[in-house]
Amino acid sequence: MSGTHEGIDVGYVAKLACIDLTDEEKALFQGQLDQVLHYVEQLNELDVADVEPTAHAIPVFNVFRKDELGASLPHDAVVANAPSATDGQIRVPKIIDQ
């Protein structure tokens, strides 16, 4: 595993994932992986002692509307819009789950 970062070998991971890579692809992906891991190591050097842990970079709030009663479509309009209807009921394809 020489030339790998932190012992992660692209060839070994590709074998586990049943992915055939050429030697050129292994070299290319290994270099890219090494660059990513090197960047992560740089992030680990930052002092984050005074930073509050969060799940998101910016505050996230629910944007749901209130669940209030409101006007509905008239029954006849709904049935008229259905692709198939009988006796005021919407017909749907029969689904048998086995």
C-alpha atoms as a PDB file:
ATOM      1  CA  MET A   1       0.000   0.000   0.000  1.00  0.00           C
ATOM      2  CA  SER A   2       2.837   2.367  -0.607  1.00  0.00           C
ATOM      3  CA  GLY A   3       1.889   5.777  -1.929  1.00  0.00           C
ATOM      4  CA  THR A   4      -1.465   5.648  -0.161  1.00  0.00           C
ATOM      5  CA  HIS A   5      -2.747   8.004   2.478  1.00  0.00           C
ATOM      6  CA  GLU A   6      -3.776   6.678   5.877  1.00  0.00           C
ATOM      7  CA  GLY A   7      -3.597   3.124   4.501  1.00  0.00           C
ATOM      8  CA  ILE A   8      -6.548   3.549   2.107  1.00  0.00           C
ATOM      9  CA  ASP A   9      -5.748   1.703  -1.102  1.00  0.00           C
ATOM     10  CA  VAL A  10      -8.043   2.462  -4.056  1.00  0.00           C
ATOM     11  CA  GLY A  11      -7.238  -0.889  -5.652  1.00  0.00           C
ATOM     12  CA  TYR A  12      -8.314  -2.765  -2.531  1.00  0.00           C
ATOM     13  CA  VAL A  13     -11.523  -0.724  -2.175  1.00  0.00           C
ATOM     14  CA  ALA A  14     -12.329  -1.254  -5.860  1.00  0.00           C
ATOM     15  CA  LYS A  15     -11.871  -5.004  -5.391  1.00  0.00           C
ATOM     16  CA  LEU A  16     -14.270  -4.982  -2.411  1.00  0.00           C
ATOM     17  CA  ALA A  17     -16.813  -3.070  -4.513  1.00  0.00           C
ATOM     18  CA  CYS A  18     -16.339  -5.480  -7.449  1.00  0.00           C
ATOM     19  CA  ILE A  19     -15.175  -2.640  -9.692  1.00  0.00           C
ATOM     20  CA  ASP A  20     -12.533  -3.370 -12.313  1.00  0.00           C
ATOM     21  CA  LEU A  21     -10.083  -0.480 -12.602  1.00  0.00           C
ATOM     22  CA  THR A  22      -7.140  -0.181 -14.945  1.00  0.00           C
ATOM     23  CA  ASP A  23      -3.752   0.639 -13.462  1.00  0.00           C
ATOM     24  CA  GLU A  24      -4.117   4.167 -14.852  1.00  0.00           C
ATOM     25  CA  GLU A  25      -7.514   4.595 -13.144  1.00  0.00           C
ATOM     26  CA  LYS A  26      -6.130   3.291  -9.859  1.00  0.00           C
ATOM     27  CA  ALA A  27      -3.262   5.778 -10.014  1.00  0.00           C
ATOM     28  CA  LEU A  28      -5.602   8.652 -10.918  1.00  0.00           C
ATOM     29  CA  PHE A  29      -8.165   7.848  -8.201  1.00  0.00           C
ATOM     30  CA  GLN A  30      -5.465   7.194  -5.602  1.00  0.00           C
ATOM     31  CA  GLY A  31      -4.016  10.644  -6.262  1.00  0.00           C
ATOM     32  CA  GLN A  32      -7.452  12.248  -5.988  1.00  0.00           C
ATOM     33  CA  LEU A  33      -8.212  10.386  -2.750  1.00  0.00           C
ATOM     34  CA  ASP A  34      -4.864  11.421  -1.292  1.00  0.00           C
ATOM     35  CA  GLN A  35      -5.642  15.071  -2.110  1.00  0.00           C
ATOM     36  CA  VAL A  36      -9.049  14.865  -0.391  1.00  0.00           C
ATOM     37  CA  LEU A  37      -7.591  13.215   2.712  1.00  0.00           C
ATOM     38  CA  HIS A  38      -4.788  15.791   2.837  1.00  0.00           C
ATOM     39  CA  TYR A  39      -7.402  18.569   2.785  1.00  0.00           C
ATOM     40  CA  VAL A  40      -9.334  16.877   5.603  1.00  0.00           C
ATOM     41  CA  GLU A  41      -6.115  16.741   7.634  1.00  0.00           C
ATOM     42  CA  GLN A  42      -5.757  20.497   7.134  1.00  0.00           C
ATOM     43  CA  LEU A  43      -9.298  20.965   8.466  1.00  0.00           C
ATOM     44  CA  ASN A  44      -8.367  18.926  11.549  1.00  0.00           C
ATOM     45  CA  GLU A  45      -5.698  21.543  12.355  1.00  0.00           C
ATOM     46  CA  LEU A  46      -8.333  24.268  12.881  1.00  0.00           C
ATOM     47  CA  ASP A  47      -9.121  25.379  16.435  1.00  0.00           C
ATOM     48  CA  VAL A  48     -12.848  24.780  16.834  1.00  0.00           C
ATOM     49  CA  ALA A  49     -12.960  24.770  20.641  1.00  0.00           C
ATOM     50  CA  ASP A  50     -15.277  27.788  20.726  1.00  0.00           C
ATOM     51  CA  VAL A  51     -17.500  26.650  17.836  1.00  0.00           C
ATOM     52  CA  GLU A  52     -20.879  25.210  18.788  1.00  0.00           C
ATOM     53  CA  PRO A  53     -21.580  21.861  17.064  1.00  0.00           C
ATOM     54  CA  THR A  54     -24.398  22.044  14.516  1.00  0.00           C
ATOM     55  CA  ALA A  55     -26.062  19.784  11.979  1.00  0.00           C
ATOM     56  CA  HIS A  56     -26.254  22.607   9.402  1.00  0.00           C
ATOM     57  CA  ALA A  57     -24.021  25.528   8.487  1.00  0.00           C
ATOM     58  CA  ILE A  58     -26.932  27.955   8.796  1.00  0.00           C
ATOM     59  CA  PRO A  59     -30.031  27.785  11.028  1.00  0.00           C
ATOM     60  CA  VAL A  60     -32.830  25.668   9.566  1.00  0.00           C
ATOM     61  CA  PHE A  61     -36.465  26.272  10.421  1.00  0.00           C
ATOM     62  CA  ASN A  62     -39.585  24.378   9.387  1.00  0.00           C
ATOM     63  CA  VAL A  63     -41.521  26.236   6.746  1.00  0.00           C
ATOM     64  CA  PHE A  64     -44.735  24.259   7.017  1.00  0.00           C
ATOM     65  CA  ARG A  65     -47.992  26.137   6.877  1.00  0.00           C
ATOM     66  CA  LYS A  66     -50.523  25.771   9.646  1.00  0.00           C
ATOM     67  CA  ASP A  67     -52.851  22.803   9.261  1.00  0.00           C
ATOM     68  CA  GLU A  68     -56.112  24.679   8.999  1.00  0.00           C
ATOM     69  CA  LEU A  69     -59.427  23.854   7.390  1.00  0.00           C
ATOM     70  CA  GLY A  70     -59.907  25.493   4.040  1.00  0.00           C
ATOM     71  CA  ALA A  71     -61.962  25.323   0.897  1.00  0.00           C
ATOM     72  CA  SER A  72     -61.830  22.027  -0.976  1.00  0.00           C
ATOM     73  CA  LEU A  73     -62.645  21.216  -4.552  1.00  0.00           C
ATOM     74  CA  PRO A  74     -66.252  20.237  -5.112  1.00  0.00           C
ATOM     75  CA  HIS A  75     -66.782  16.470  -5.350  1.00  0.00           C
ATOM     76  CA  ASP A  76     -68.188  16.730  -8.879  1.00  0.00           C
ATOM     77  CA  ALA A  77     -65.110  18.642 -10.067  1.00  0.00           C
ATOM     78  CA  VAL A  78     -62.770  16.024  -8.639  1.00  0.00           C
ATOM     79  CA  VAL A  79     -64.681  13.132 -10.198  1.00  0.00           C
ATOM     80  CA  ALA A  80     -64.914  14.995 -13.509  1.00  0.00           C
ATOM     81  CA  ASN A  81     -61.113  15.374 -13.523  1.00  0.00           C
ATOM     82  CA  ALA A  82     -60.487  11.645 -12.902  1.00  0.00           C
ATOM     83  CA  PRO A  83     -59.388   9.508 -15.872  1.00  0.00           C
ATOM     84  CA  SER A  84     -62.104   6.981 -15.007  1.00  0.00           C
ATOM     85  CA  ALA A  85     -65.152   7.240 -12.732  1.00  0.00           C
ATOM     86  CA  THR A  86     -68.322   5.253 -12.045  1.00  0.00           C
ATOM     87  CA  ASP A  87     -71.305   6.222  -9.900  1.00  0.00           C
ATOM     88  CA  GLY A  88     -69.520   9.269  -8.474  1.00  0.00           C
ATOM     89  CA  GLN A  89     -66.415   7.285  -7.487  1.00  0.00           C
ATOM     90  CA  ILE A  90     -62.940   7.403  -8.989  1.00  0.00           C
ATOM     91  CA  ARG A  91     -61.908   4.095 -10.584  1.00  0.00           C
ATOM     92  CA  VAL A  92     -58.312   2.994 -10.058  1.00  0.00           C
ATOM     93  CA  PRO A  93     -56.407   0.009 -11.446  1.00  0.00           C
ATOM     94  CA  LYS A  94     -56.637  -3.169  -9.402  1.00  0.00           C
ATOM     95  CA  ILE A  95     -53.382  -3.865  -7.587  1.00  0.00           C
ATOM     96  CA  ILE A  96     -52.756  -7.297  -6.148  1.00  0.00           C
ATOM     97  CA  ASP A  97     -49.747  -7.534  -3.876  1.00  0.00           C
ATOM     98  CA  GLN A  98     -48.381 -11.057  -3.507  1.00  0.00           C
END
